[in-house]
Protein backbone atom coordinates (compact mmCIF):
# COMPACT_ATOMS: atom_id res chain seq x y z
CA MET A 1 191.92 95.31 223.15
CA LYS A 2 190.07 98.11 225.15
CA PHE A 3 190.86 100.45 222.77
CA LEU A 4 188.88 98.42 220.26
CA TRP A 5 185.86 97.90 222.26
CA ALA A 6 186.27 101.66 223.04
CA VAL A 7 186.26 102.57 219.36
CA SER A 8 183.29 100.11 218.75
CA ALA A 9 181.25 101.82 221.63
CA LEU A 10 182.05 105.09 220.02
CA LEU A 11 180.79 104.36 216.51
CA LEU A 12 177.61 102.35 218.11
CA GLY A 13 176.64 105.70 220.06
CA CYS A 14 177.34 107.84 216.69
CA TRP A 15 175.04 105.52 214.78
CA ARG A 16 172.36 105.51 217.32
CA ALA A 17 172.29 109.04 217.71
CA ASN A 18 171.98 109.71 214.13
CA ALA A 19 169.13 106.76 213.47
CA SER A 20 165.88 107.10 214.00
CA THR A 21 163.09 104.49 213.88
CA ALA A 22 161.19 103.84 210.92
CA GLY A 23 157.53 105.52 210.86
CA PHE A 24 154.71 105.45 208.01
CA VAL A 25 153.91 108.75 206.44
CA LYS A 26 151.24 107.00 204.12
CA CYS A 27 149.14 103.98 204.97
CA PRO A 28 147.63 101.67 202.58
CA LEU A 29 143.39 102.27 202.29
CA SER A 30 141.24 99.38 202.19
CA ARG A 31 139.50 98.31 198.81
CA THR A 32 136.18 96.95 197.66
CA THR A 33 136.32 95.39 194.51
CA LEU A 34 134.30 93.12 191.87
CA LEU A 35 134.99 89.51 190.92
CA GLY A 36 137.76 89.50 188.39
CA GLY A 37 138.70 93.03 188.95
CA SER A 38 141.98 94.62 190.62
CA ALA A 39 143.10 96.58 193.81
CA GLU A 40 146.17 98.55 194.23
CA LEU A 41 147.70 99.17 197.93
CA HIS A 42 150.25 101.73 198.67
CA CYS A 43 152.40 102.80 201.59
CA GLU A 44 155.30 105.18 202.22
CA ALA A 45 157.80 105.14 205.33
CA VAL A 46 160.59 107.25 206.54
CA GLY A 47 163.90 106.68 208.85
CA SER A 48 167.39 106.87 209.05
CA PRO A 49 168.96 105.07 207.59
CA VAL A 50 166.01 104.42 205.02
CA PRO A 51 163.52 101.20 205.64
CA GLU A 52 162.77 98.41 203.65
CA VAL A 53 159.17 97.77 203.03
CA GLN A 54 157.42 94.33 202.85
CA TRP A 55 154.24 93.56 201.95
CA TRP A 56 152.05 90.57 203.82
CA PHE A 57 149.03 88.81 203.32
CA VAL A 58 147.97 88.05 207.04
CA GLY A 59 144.38 86.73 207.08
CA GLY A 60 141.75 85.62 204.75
CA GLU A 61 138.06 84.48 204.99
CA GLU A 62 139.39 80.75 205.68
CA PRO A 63 140.28 80.20 209.51
CA ALA A 64 143.33 77.97 208.35
CA GLU A 65 145.20 80.43 206.21
CA ALA A 66 148.54 81.76 207.85
CA SER A 67 150.42 84.72 207.22
CA ALA A 68 152.50 85.00 203.87
CA GLN A 69 154.74 87.33 202.45
CA LEU A 70 154.20 88.71 199.12
CA PHE A 71 156.59 89.31 196.21
CA ASP A 72 156.58 90.61 192.84
CA GLY A 73 155.08 87.53 190.84
CA ALA A 74 153.26 85.81 193.10
CA ARG A 75 149.81 84.12 192.85
CA GLY A 76 150.54 83.05 189.18
CA GLY A 77 151.86 86.49 188.17
CA ARG A 78 148.87 88.10 189.54
CA VAL A 79 150.86 90.04 191.96
CA ARG A 80 152.96 93.17 191.20
CA ILE A 81 155.14 95.06 193.70
CA HIS A 82 156.75 98.42 192.75
CA ALA A 83 159.27 99.96 195.51
CA VAL A 84 161.35 103.07 195.42
CA TYR A 85 164.13 103.85 198.04
CA VAL A 86 165.64 107.26 197.99
CA ALA A 87 164.80 109.86 200.78
CA HIS A 88 162.36 107.45 202.22
CA ALA A 89 160.75 104.12 201.12
CA ALA A 90 157.57 103.69 198.76
CA SER A 91 155.97 100.79 197.94
CA THR A 92 153.07 99.84 195.72
CA VAL A 93 151.40 96.41 195.38
CA ARG A 94 148.64 95.44 192.73
CA LEU A 95 146.52 92.62 192.85
CA ALA A 96 145.06 91.66 189.38
CA GLY A 97 142.32 88.89 188.36
CA LEU A 98 141.05 88.87 191.78
CA ALA A 99 139.00 86.07 193.17
CA LEU A 100 137.14 85.53 196.17
CA ALA A 101 140.14 83.79 197.98
CA ASP A 102 141.99 87.40 197.62
CA SER A 103 139.81 88.76 200.11
CA GLY A 104 141.63 89.57 203.38
CA THR A 105 143.78 91.52 205.49
CA TYR A 106 146.97 92.77 203.62
CA GLU A 107 149.92 94.31 205.83
CA CYS A 108 152.39 97.04 205.03
CA ARG A 109 155.67 96.29 207.07
CA ALA A 110 158.47 98.73 207.52
CA SER A 111 161.69 98.57 209.54
CA ASN A 112 165.32 99.75 209.36
CA ASP A 113 167.09 97.51 212.20
CA PRO A 114 169.81 95.80 210.59
CA ASP A 115 169.36 92.77 211.90
CA ARG A 116 165.66 92.93 210.52
CA ASN A 117 166.15 89.81 208.11
CA ALA A 118 168.18 87.82 210.40
CA LEU A 119 167.26 84.27 210.72
CA LYS A 120 169.65 83.49 213.70
CA LYS A 121 169.22 86.89 215.68
CA SER A 122 166.26 88.67 217.16
CA PRO A 123 165.73 92.20 215.67
CA ARG A 124 166.20 95.11 218.01
CA ILE A 125 163.41 97.19 216.59
CA LYS A 126 160.51 95.03 215.68
CA TRP A 127 158.83 95.85 212.30
CA ILE A 128 156.06 98.50 212.43
CA ARG A 129 152.70 97.69 210.50
CA SER A 130 149.82 98.90 208.84
CA GLN A 131 146.89 96.65 207.45
CA ALA A 132 144.08 97.23 204.77
CA ASN A 133 141.43 95.11 203.68
CA VAL A 134 140.74 94.36 200.17
CA ILE A 135 137.17 93.03 199.61
CA VAL A 136 136.28 90.89 196.65
CA MET A 137 132.62 90.77 195.97
CA GLU A 138 130.86 88.93 193.20
CA THR A 139 128.67 91.18 190.76
CA LEU A 140 125.57 92.36 192.34
CA ALA A 141 122.41 91.65 190.47
CA ILE A 142 121.38 94.32 188.38
CA ILE A 143 117.91 93.86 186.63
CA ALA A 144 118.04 95.14 183.40
CA GLU A 145 114.85 95.40 181.19
CA PRO A 146 115.01 94.50 178.37
CA VAL A 147 117.71 92.25 178.04
CA GLU A 148 118.28 92.86 174.49
CA VAL A 149 116.45 94.95 171.89
CA ARG A 150 116.51 93.36 168.18
CA ASN A 151 115.28 95.41 165.28
CA GLN A 152 112.96 97.67 166.99
CA THR A 153 112.21 101.22 166.17
CA SER A 154 112.09 102.64 169.61
CA ALA A 155 112.93 101.18 173.00
CA VAL A 156 112.98 102.04 176.77
CA LEU A 157 116.23 100.71 178.65
CA SER A 158 116.11 100.28 182.73
CA CYS A 159 118.28 99.02 185.20
CA ASN A 160 117.55 98.37 188.81
CA LEU A 161 120.24 97.76 191.65
CA THR A 162 119.27 95.11 193.87
CA GLU A 163 122.07 95.91 197.02
CA PRO A 164 120.34 98.85 198.72
CA SER A 165 123.41 98.90 201.32
CA LEU A 166 125.83 100.26 198.72
CA LEU A 167 126.11 104.14 198.71
CA ILE A 168 124.86 105.31 195.58
CA GLN A 169 126.21 108.53 194.32
CA GLY A 170 124.68 108.56 190.98
CA SER A 171 124.14 107.32 187.71
CA HIS A 172 124.62 107.43 183.65
CA TRP A 173 124.41 105.46 180.77
CA LEU A 174 127.39 104.51 178.21
CA HIS A 175 126.65 104.09 174.37
CA ASN A 176 130.02 101.71 172.93
CA GLY A 177 131.93 103.18 176.15
CA LYS A 178 130.95 106.62 175.78
CA ILE A 179 129.16 108.51 178.31
CA ILE A 180 125.74 109.91 177.37
CA GLU A 181 125.69 113.31 178.81
CA ALA A 182 122.11 114.06 179.08
CA SER A 183 121.42 110.62 181.23
CA LYS A 184 124.22 111.72 184.01
CA SER A 185 122.56 112.03 187.39
CA THR A 186 123.76 112.55 190.96
CA GLU A 187 120.39 111.35 192.50
CA PRO A 188 121.30 108.57 195.09
CA ALA A 189 118.35 106.18 193.09
CA ALA A 190 118.84 102.71 192.64
CA SER A 191 117.02 102.67 189.14
CA THR A 192 117.75 104.30 185.91
CA VAL A 193 116.04 104.44 182.54
CA LEU A 194 117.23 105.71 179.03
CA ARG A 195 114.58 106.13 176.42
CA LEU A 196 115.65 105.48 172.69
CA LYS A 197 112.60 107.36 170.64
CA LYS A 198 114.26 106.50 167.17
CA ILE A 199 116.56 103.64 166.65
CA THR A 200 118.78 103.50 163.39
CA TYR A 201 121.82 102.29 162.78
CA THR A 202 123.83 104.85 164.37
CA SER A 203 122.05 104.10 167.79
CA GLY A 204 122.58 100.22 167.73
CA GLY A 205 125.04 98.92 170.04
CA MET A 206 126.27 98.54 173.36
CA TYR A 207 124.48 100.21 176.37
CA GLU A 208 125.93 100.35 179.78
CA CYS A 209 124.06 101.81 183.03
CA VAL A 210 126.42 102.66 185.43
CA PHE A 211 125.69 103.21 189.04
CA LEU A 212 128.58 105.51 191.11
CA THR A 213 129.10 102.87 193.69
CA GLU A 214 132.40 101.30 195.36
CA PRO A 215 133.16 99.52 193.22
CA GLU A 216 131.15 100.93 190.33
CA MET A 217 128.16 98.27 189.16
CA LYS A 218 127.36 98.09 185.58
CA LYS A 219 124.88 96.05 183.30
CA THR A 220 125.18 95.79 179.69
CA ILE A 221 121.98 95.80 177.10
CA GLU A 222 122.46 95.10 173.37
CA VAL A 223 120.41 97.22 170.56
CA LYS A 224 121.03 95.47 167.60
CA THR A 225 120.00 96.56 163.87
CA LEU A 226 119.83 95.40 160.66
CA PRO A 227 123.29 95.98 158.95
CA HIS A 228 123.60 99.42 157.28
CA VAL A 229 125.41 98.54 153.76
CA SER A 230 126.50 101.25 151.54
CA ALA A 231 128.82 101.65 148.40
CA TYR A 232 131.77 103.86 148.85
CA LYS A 233 131.10 105.47 145.45
CA HIS A 234 127.54 104.43 143.41
CA SER A 235 129.49 105.31 140.30
CA GLU A 236 132.98 103.63 139.45
CA HIS A 237 135.18 104.18 136.45
CA GLY A 238 137.87 101.96 135.03
CA ASN A 239 140.03 101.83 131.73
CA GLU A 240 139.98 98.88 129.56
CA ASN A 241 142.64 95.97 130.59
CA ASP A 242 143.04 97.55 134.02
CA LYS A 243 141.86 96.68 137.39
CA GLY A 244 138.17 97.54 138.76
CA LEU A 245 137.91 98.30 142.60
CA LEU A 246 134.41 98.28 143.98
CA VAL A 247 134.14 99.06 147.59
CA CYS A 248 131.21 98.85 150.08
CA VAL A 249 131.08 99.42 153.99
CA SER A 250 128.81 98.83 156.84
CA HIS A 251 127.81 100.31 160.02
CA GLY A 252 125.65 99.62 162.97
CA TYR A 253 125.37 96.58 165.43
CA PRO A 254 126.15 93.69 165.04
CA LEU A 255 128.45 94.22 161.99
CA PRO A 256 127.83 91.66 159.28
CA THR A 257 129.35 88.20 159.28
CA ASP A 258 129.05 87.39 155.77
CA TRP A 259 129.60 89.25 152.42
CA THR A 260 128.32 88.56 149.04
CA TRP A 261 128.71 89.92 145.60
CA PHE A 262 126.44 90.08 142.55
CA LYS A 263 126.69 91.33 138.84
CA GLU A 264 123.08 92.13 137.74
CA GLU A 265 122.08 91.20 133.94
CA ASP A 266 118.78 91.94 132.99
CA GLY A 267 117.46 92.10 136.35
CA VAL A 268 119.14 88.76 137.48
CA LEU A 269 121.62 88.81 139.88
CA THR A 270 124.75 86.47 139.34
CA PRO A 271 126.73 85.87 142.43
CA ILE A 272 130.48 86.17 142.03
CA ILE A 273 132.40 83.34 143.96
CA ASN A 274 135.65 84.44 145.04
CA GLY A 275 138.63 82.26 144.11
CA THR A 276 137.04 80.27 140.95
CA THR A 277 138.97 82.65 138.68
CA ASP A 278 141.65 84.92 138.53
CA LYS A 279 139.20 87.68 137.01
CA TYR A 280 137.74 88.35 140.61
CA GLU A 281 139.04 88.89 144.18
CA ILE A 282 136.89 89.61 147.30
CA LYS A 283 138.51 90.64 150.45
CA SER A 284 135.90 91.34 153.44
CA THR A 285 136.56 92.59 156.90
CA PRO A 286 133.09 93.04 159.41
CA ASN A 287 132.89 96.72 158.45
CA LYS A 288 134.10 96.41 154.69
CA THR A 289 134.22 94.56 151.81
CA THR A 290 136.25 95.05 148.42
CA LEU A 291 135.92 93.43 144.87
CA THR A 292 138.79 93.49 142.41
CA ILE A 293 138.22 92.76 138.88
CA ASP A 294 141.43 92.13 136.66
CA ASP A 295 141.71 92.82 133.08
CA LEU A 296 138.34 94.95 132.54
CA SER A 297 136.30 94.56 129.53
CA ILE A 298 134.20 96.87 127.92
CA GLU A 299 131.88 94.01 126.43
CA ASP A 300 131.91 91.97 129.68
CA ASP A 301 132.36 94.08 132.53
CA ILE A 302 130.18 97.29 132.11
CA GLY A 303 127.14 96.89 134.43
CA ASP A 304 125.61 97.02 137.89
CA TYR A 305 127.28 95.33 140.47
CA VAL A 306 125.67 94.65 144.43
CA CYS A 307 127.10 94.07 147.41
CA SER A 308 125.14 92.22 150.41
CA GLY A 309 125.89 92.20 153.96
CA THR A 310 124.26 89.65 156.73
CA ASN A 311 124.30 89.70 160.38
CA GLU A 312 122.04 87.37 162.62
CA LEU A 313 119.17 89.78 162.07
CA GLY A 314 119.02 90.05 158.41
CA THR A 315 120.68 91.41 155.00
CA ASN A 316 120.77 94.71 153.54
CA SER A 317 122.63 95.66 150.21
CA ASP A 318 123.59 98.42 147.79
CA LYS A 319 124.36 99.18 144.15
CA ILE A 320 127.32 100.25 142.04
CA HIS A 321 127.60 101.03 138.63
CA LEU A 322 130.76 100.26 136.73
CA ARG A 323 131.67 102.14 133.49
CA VAL A 324 134.76 100.77 131.55
CA ARG A 325 136.37 103.30 129.15
CA SER A 326 138.36 102.24 125.96
CA ARG A 327 142.02 102.52 126.41
CA LEU A 328 142.28 105.47 123.72
CA ALA A 329 139.94 107.59 125.87
CA ALA A 330 142.76 109.32 127.76
CA LEU A 331 144.40 110.28 124.13
CA TRP A 332 141.48 111.80 123.12
CA PRO A 333 141.63 115.40 124.73
CA PHE A 334 145.45 115.25 123.86
CA LEU A 335 144.61 114.91 120.32
CA GLY A 336 142.12 117.44 120.61
CA ILE A 337 144.38 120.16 122.49
CA VAL A 338 147.07 119.06 119.25
CA ALA A 339 144.26 119.71 116.57
CA GLU A 340 143.47 122.91 117.97
CA VAL A 341 147.21 124.11 118.05
CA ILE A 342 147.56 122.96 114.30
CA ILE A 343 144.50 124.78 113.37
CA LEU A 344 145.56 127.79 115.37
CA VAL A 345 149.23 127.74 113.83
CA THR A 346 147.72 127.41 110.13
CA ILE A 347 145.56 130.36 110.64
CA ILE A 348 148.38 132.44 111.74
CA PHE A 349 150.35 131.45 108.94
CA ILE A 350 147.85 132.19 106.19
CA TYR A 351 146.99 135.41 107.76
CA GLU A 352 150.87 136.43 107.70
CA LYS A 353 151.09 135.12 104.29
CA ARG A 354 148.63 137.58 102.72
CA ARG A 355 149.72 140.36 104.85
CA LYS A 356 153.23 140.29 103.45
CA PRO A 357 152.30 141.46 99.90
CA ASP A 358 151.08 144.62 101.32
CA GLU A 359 154.08 145.37 103.28
CA ILE A 360 156.11 144.86 100.31
CA THR A 361 154.10 147.66 98.31
CA ASP A 362 154.51 150.37 101.13
CA ASP A 363 157.81 150.13 101.45
CA ASP A 364 157.98 150.60 97.27
CA ASP A 365 155.70 153.83 97.24
CA SER A 366 158.27 155.05 100.31
CA GLY A 367 161.09 154.23 98.06
CA ALA A 368 159.72 155.93 95.05
CA ALA A 369 159.08 159.51 96.91
CA PRO A 370 161.29 161.99 95.82
CA LEU A 371 164.87 162.72 97.05
CA LYS A 372 165.43 165.92 99.49
CA SER A 373 166.89 168.47 97.20
CA ASN A 374 169.54 171.40 98.18
CA SER A 375 167.35 174.20 97.99
CA THR A 376 168.35 175.48 101.20
CA GLU A 377 171.92 175.71 100.12
CA ASN A 378 170.82 177.57 97.09
CA ILE A 379 168.94 179.95 99.07
CA LYS A 380 171.91 180.77 101.20
CA ASP A 381 174.23 180.98 98.59
CA LYS A 382 171.90 183.97 96.95
CA ASN A 383 171.50 185.53 100.36
CA LEU A 384 175.29 185.74 100.44
CA ARG A 385 175.80 187.09 97.11
CA GLN A 386 173.20 190.00 97.93
CA ARG A 387 174.96 190.99 101.00
CA ASN A 388 178.17 191.20 99.20
CA SER A 389 176.78 193.14 96.66
CA ASN A 390 175.48 195.99 98.92
């Protein structure tokens, strides 16, 4: 028995020699955010063995609120905790969809005592703690003028921040989520102005004034224009008995909420109703509309078609001219090529036919030429005879 106690004491001594109390190397930082926003706190702890990290909500604005441990998925899934235990402990808690009741003190706790979670035994080493405050604020009042711009050719947009206690490090404007570079300012001013000298469909949209505070303050001003409706092609071609496809698109803000197609006949616009017959089919989205005409006819479908887009400010339209070609139209170029080939072959044949007798006459003349004689042999014989005679 004494031997066992000695071994236990030796092992405990070795553990104490190798163990080191947990300590923080990174502490959470306080956050200020807006109602409905999010906040993220992070802490890291070291020790041997690697300590466990927990997150607690230890005090809110209400005096009756008690400490409560946070876990992944708490507060209706608005709390998310991510922890990593390798060489040391690292943990992050993210609070989403913040309400005013989420304001308060949050605590990162760390301990590597083996009895840290024992219910009937007090831990030898207490949890070490590091706190941070999360302040949830209602959206501060930003006075924007005008609140909305409707169908104007020019405008001056302005924003004034009514909370002077915030530290302002600058400001800028956004157009449809993109920063307007010329609007950037590093001055700590509580007001900012953006001048729109000429408003077109390209300059319509959502404008936001942004004050660089902690957290950022934003206010939106809508600049609305008539819809800009444009035909994808102002002249379309189709073949008889095939399908015709006419397309119109729209730009600007807001986009059309209603699209209508018409056929113009003698200056009179006749609406095309989708679904009444199998000949017409209309498919529309806020920025695009398509008219499909089935079984094109030269007699009935040639002419001008009008697409019309409407938003809350009014209506704009554009025109497309549809031409319908005969099904044999594509055959004519082929027949023309075939005819050219036939004519060319005929000309070559006639030319060769007329040229052939001349070639035969030339051959006859060459055949009638006198045959070579053996006069040279006769001369040689004569010479030989003369030499012999001498």
